[in-house]
Structure formats: C-alpha cells, structure tokens
C-alpha cells in the first residue's frame, strides 16, 4: 500500500505538489518510486526555467525504467534539490521529504483545480 499524505496536490502522472505560499515544492509519489524501484539518476531542470502545467521538466531513471517528471503548476523553477545529484536514492527513501525535486514560483494558483487531492489520488492508484 502506498503512502498518500493529506494536504498535498497530486497529478495523474504521479507527481505531488505542496503549496508553500506562492511557491510549490514538487516530487514524485510513493506509488511512483515503488513502481520505478531503485532510482539511480535524477535529471532536474535549471533554475530560471519557465514551465507550463503538464510540461516535462525532468527525468527519473531507475534500474528498471526511466520516467518523465511533469510540472503540476505553471511557473518558474526557483530551486532544485542538488542532493539528488549524489544521492538519487533519496527519492526512494523519502519521496515526500528529502527526495523532493523542484520548487516552482507559481504563475497561476488556479492550476490546483486540475489536480487531485489525497482521496482522489488513492482512488487513481487503487490504494
């Protein structure tokens, strides 16, 4: 059974987003990291990159597969988790904590309307 914390927004592509004022912290869900298995590499966007909701903004590679990371909100990348360069396994160990990937400055808070809450995401993944 996957961990699906309350208070986060979720995409159908298995990203989570935590609003922090006008910014949003983004990562992949526990369900996604379990499906990928052992993460060996994370490619993150550059700080300053503008993204639209649904745009690809990075890649997670595991021993099993590679999977794109999509922007849950439109905005500008203001921070990336540099720790993942040396420790990509943090995505497996702590997907909602130390394994976060990107912080976006949100362009349109209404983008949240297109995302799922925890209950809807649990239904989506059959948890």
C-alpha atoms as a PDB file:
ATOM      1  CA  UNK A   1       0.000   0.000   0.000  1.00  0.00           C
ATOM      2  CA  UNK A   2       1.368   3.408  -0.996  1.00  0.00           C
ATOM      3  CA  UNK A   3       1.703   6.351   1.353  1.00  0.00           C
ATOM      4  CA  UNK A   4      -0.562   9.225   0.212  1.00  0.00           C
ATOM      5  CA  UNK A   5      -0.261  12.176   2.622  1.00  0.00           C
ATOM      6  CA  UNK A   6      -3.173  14.568   3.098  1.00  0.00           C
ATOM      7  CA  UNK A   7      -2.717  18.239   2.262  1.00  0.00           C
ATOM      8  CA  UNK A   8      -0.833  17.717  -0.996  1.00  0.00           C
ATOM      9  CA  UNK A   9      -1.980  18.003  -4.608  1.00  0.00           C
ATOM     10  CA  UNK A  10      -1.406  15.056  -6.972  1.00  0.00           C
ATOM     11  CA  UNK A  11      -1.188  14.608 -10.743  1.00  0.00           C
ATOM     12  CA  UNK A  12      -2.379  11.640 -12.786  1.00  0.00           C
ATOM     13  CA  UNK A  13       1.302  11.185 -13.715  1.00  0.00           C
ATOM     14  CA  UNK A  14       2.245  10.628 -10.028  1.00  0.00           C
ATOM     15  CA  UNK A  15       3.807  13.943  -9.048  1.00  0.00           C
ATOM     16  CA  UNK A  16       2.940  15.550  -5.724  1.00  0.00           C
ATOM     17  CA  UNK A  17       2.860  19.287  -5.075  1.00  0.00           C
ATOM     18  CA  UNK A  18       2.927  21.094  -1.735  1.00  0.00           C
ATOM     19  CA  UNK A  19       1.893  24.730  -1.815  1.00  0.00           C
ATOM     20  CA  UNK A  20       4.149  26.991   0.262  1.00  0.00           C
ATOM     21  CA  UNK A  21       2.725  30.477  -0.260  1.00  0.00           C
ATOM     22  CA  UNK A  22       3.339  31.450  -3.908  1.00  0.00           C
ATOM     23  CA  UNK A  23       5.722  28.550  -4.311  1.00  0.00           C
ATOM     24  CA  UNK A  24       5.161  24.845  -4.712  1.00  0.00           C
ATOM     25  CA  UNK A  25       7.517  22.009  -3.783  1.00  0.00           C
ATOM     26  CA  UNK A  26       7.324  19.073  -6.210  1.00  0.00           C
ATOM     27  CA  UNK A  27       8.376  15.432  -6.163  1.00  0.00           C
ATOM     28  CA  UNK A  28       7.162  12.025  -7.255  1.00  0.00           C
ATOM     29  CA  UNK A  29       4.780   9.997  -5.139  1.00  0.00           C
ATOM     30  CA  UNK A  30       5.497   6.950  -3.039  1.00  0.00           C
ATOM     31  CA  UNK A  31       3.490   4.930  -5.574  1.00  0.00           C
ATOM     32  CA  UNK A  32       5.728   6.173  -8.418  1.00  0.00           C
ATOM     33  CA  UNK A  33       9.007   5.430  -6.637  1.00  0.00           C
ATOM     34  CA  UNK A  34       7.782   1.903  -5.806  1.00  0.00           C
ATOM     35  CA  UNK A  35       6.872   1.307  -9.459  1.00  0.00           C
ATOM     36  CA  UNK A  36      10.287   2.568 -10.613  1.00  0.00           C
ATOM     37  CA  UNK A  37      12.182   0.580  -7.945  1.00  0.00           C
ATOM     38  CA  UNK A  38      15.776   1.689  -7.266  1.00  0.00           C
ATOM     39  CA  UNK A  39      16.302   5.259  -8.527  1.00  0.00           C
ATOM     40  CA  UNK A  40      19.839   5.686  -9.888  1.00  0.00           C
ATOM     41  CA  UNK A  41      19.706   9.112 -11.569  1.00  0.00           C
ATOM     42  CA  UNK A  42      17.554  12.245 -11.490  1.00  0.00           C
ATOM     43  CA  UNK A  43      17.748  14.903 -14.201  1.00  0.00           C
ATOM     44  CA  UNK A  44      16.284  18.197 -12.969  1.00  0.00           C
ATOM     45  CA  UNK A  45      15.574  21.450 -14.823  1.00  0.00           C
ATOM     46  CA  UNK A  46      17.773  24.511 -14.494  1.00  0.00           C
ATOM     47  CA  UNK A  47      16.852  27.284 -12.078  1.00  0.00           C
ATOM     48  CA  UNK A  48      15.086  30.038 -14.015  1.00  0.00           C
ATOM     49  CA  UNK A  49      13.372  27.686 -16.469  1.00  0.00           C
ATOM     50  CA  UNK A  50       9.736  28.574 -17.133  1.00  0.00           C
ATOM     51  CA  UNK A  51       7.310  25.651 -17.317  1.00  0.00           C
ATOM     52  CA  UNK A  52       3.629  25.264 -18.119  1.00  0.00           C
ATOM     53  CA  UNK A  53       1.356  22.876 -16.254  1.00  0.00           C
ATOM     54  CA  UNK A  54       1.871  19.431 -17.795  1.00  0.00           C
ATOM     55  CA  UNK A  55       5.273  20.245 -19.354  1.00  0.00           C
ATOM     56  CA  UNK A  56       8.082  17.738 -18.937  1.00  0.00           C
ATOM     57  CA  UNK A  57      10.647  19.233 -16.562  1.00  0.00           C
ATOM     58  CA  UNK A  58      12.954  16.347 -15.754  1.00  0.00           C
ATOM     59  CA  UNK A  59      13.574  12.614 -15.758  1.00  0.00           C
ATOM     60  CA  UNK A  60      13.908   9.955 -13.073  1.00  0.00           C
ATOM     61  CA  UNK A  61      15.892   6.869 -14.043  1.00  0.00           C
ATOM     62  CA  UNK A  62      15.864   3.601 -12.166  1.00  0.00           C
ATOM     63  CA  UNK A  63      17.363   0.176 -12.697  1.00  0.00           C
ATOM     64  CA  UNK A  64      14.009  -0.748 -14.250  1.00  0.00           C
ATOM     65  CA  UNK A  65      12.846   2.266 -16.299  1.00  0.00           C
ATOM     66  CA  UNK A  66      13.043   5.985 -16.994  1.00  0.00           C
ATOM     67  CA  UNK A  67      10.087   8.243 -16.277  1.00  0.00           C
ATOM     68  CA  UNK A  68       9.451  11.895 -17.043  1.00  0.00           C
ATOM     69  CA  UNK A  69       8.644  14.428 -14.324  1.00  0.00           C
ATOM     70  CA  UNK A  70       5.820  16.801 -15.282  1.00  0.00           C
ATOM     71  CA  UNK A  71       5.093  20.261 -13.903  1.00  0.00           C
ATOM     72  CA  UNK A  72       1.955  20.202 -11.727  1.00  0.00           C
ATOM     73  CA  UNK A  73       1.740  24.023 -11.895  1.00  0.00           C
ATOM     74  CA  UNK A  74       2.808  26.635 -14.416  1.00  0.00           C
ATOM     75  CA  UNK A  75       5.662  28.742 -13.105  1.00  0.00           C
ATOM     76  CA  UNK A  76       9.396  29.278 -12.881  1.00  0.00           C
ATOM     77  CA  UNK A  77      11.924  26.898 -11.346  1.00  0.00           C
ATOM     78  CA  UNK A  78      13.442  28.700  -8.349  1.00  0.00           C
ATOM     79  CA  UNK A  79      15.180  25.786  -6.633  1.00  0.00           C
ATOM     80  CA  UNK A  80      16.263  22.219  -7.399  1.00  0.00           C
ATOM     81  CA  UNK A  81      17.273  19.526  -4.934  1.00  0.00           C
ATOM     82  CA  UNK A  82      21.039  19.331  -5.536  1.00  0.00           C
ATOM     83  CA  UNK A  83      21.328  16.477  -3.005  1.00  0.00           C
ATOM     84  CA  UNK A  84      19.777  14.164  -5.612  1.00  0.00           C
ATOM     85  CA  UNK A  85      22.878  14.516  -7.826  1.00  0.00           C
ATOM     86  CA  UNK A  86      24.912  12.447  -5.358  1.00  0.00           C
ATOM     87  CA  UNK A  87      22.065  10.605  -3.611  1.00  0.00           C
ATOM     88  CA  UNK A  88      19.265   9.815  -6.092  1.00  0.00           C
ATOM     89  CA  UNK A  89      18.165   7.049  -3.711  1.00  0.00           C
ATOM     90  CA  UNK A  90      16.611   9.777  -1.508  1.00  0.00           C
ATOM     91  CA  UNK A  91      13.655   9.596  -3.913  1.00  0.00           C
ATOM     92  CA  UNK A  92      13.077   6.000  -2.748  1.00  0.00           C
ATOM     93  CA  UNK A  93      13.899   6.600   0.904  1.00  0.00           C
ATOM     94  CA  UNK A  94      11.888   9.795   1.434  1.00  0.00           C
ATOM     95  CA  UNK A  95       9.721  10.732  -1.585  1.00  0.00           C
ATOM     96  CA  UNK A  96       7.773  13.406   0.351  1.00  0.00           C
ATOM     97  CA  UNK A  97      10.752  14.638   2.383  1.00  0.00           C
ATOM     98  CA  UNK A  98      14.419  14.691   1.407  1.00  0.00           C
ATOM     99  CA  UNK A  99      13.582  13.252  -2.012  1.00  0.00           C
ATOM    100  CA  UNK A 100      11.720  16.361  -3.240  1.00  0.00           C
ATOM    101  CA  UNK A 101      12.859  17.565  -6.663  1.00  0.00           C
ATOM    102  CA  UNK A 102      11.910  21.117  -7.622  1.00  0.00           C
ATOM    103  CA  UNK A 103      10.447  24.312  -6.176  1.00  0.00           C
ATOM    104  CA  UNK A 104       8.374  26.434  -8.578  1.00  0.00           C
ATOM    105  CA  UNK A 105       7.290  30.045  -8.248  1.00  0.00           C
ATOM    106  CA  UNK A 106       3.616  29.575  -9.141  1.00  0.00           C
ATOM    107  CA  UNK A 107       2.262  31.635 -12.048  1.00  0.00           C
ATOM    108  CA  UNK A 108      -1.381  30.648 -11.577  1.00  0.00           C
ATOM    109  CA  UNK A 109      -2.645  29.220  -8.262  1.00  0.00           C
ATOM    110  CA  UNK A 110      -5.846  28.153 -10.069  1.00  0.00           C
ATOM    111  CA  UNK A 111      -3.767  25.345 -11.657  1.00  0.00           C
ATOM    112  CA  UNK A 112      -4.558  23.455  -8.434  1.00  0.00           C
ATOM    113  CA  UNK A 113      -8.111  22.914  -9.735  1.00  0.00           C
ATOM    114  CA  UNK A 114      -6.755  20.435 -12.298  1.00  0.00           C
ATOM    115  CA  UNK A 115      -5.032  18.332  -9.613  1.00  0.00           C
ATOM    116  CA  UNK A 116      -6.278  15.594  -7.280  1.00  0.00           C
ATOM    117  CA  UNK A 117      -6.488  15.621  -3.504  1.00  0.00           C
ATOM    118  CA  UNK A 118      -5.254  12.640  -1.469  1.00  0.00           C
ATOM    119  CA  UNK A 119      -8.586  10.772  -1.609  1.00  0.00           C
ATOM    120  CA  UNK A 120      -8.859  11.132  -5.397  1.00  0.00           C
ATOM    121  CA  UNK A 121      -5.216  10.063  -5.857  1.00  0.00           C
ATOM    122  CA  UNK A 122      -5.743   6.978  -3.670  1.00  0.00           C
ATOM    123  CA  UNK A 123      -8.651   6.019  -5.945  1.00  0.00           C
ATOM    124  CA  UNK A 124      -6.495   6.736  -9.030  1.00  0.00           C
ATOM    125  CA  UNK A 125      -3.779   4.292  -7.912  1.00  0.00           C
ATOM    126  CA  UNK A 126      -6.119   1.792  -6.275  1.00  0.00           C
ATOM    127  CA  UNK A 127      -4.655   2.379  -2.800  1.00  0.00           C
END
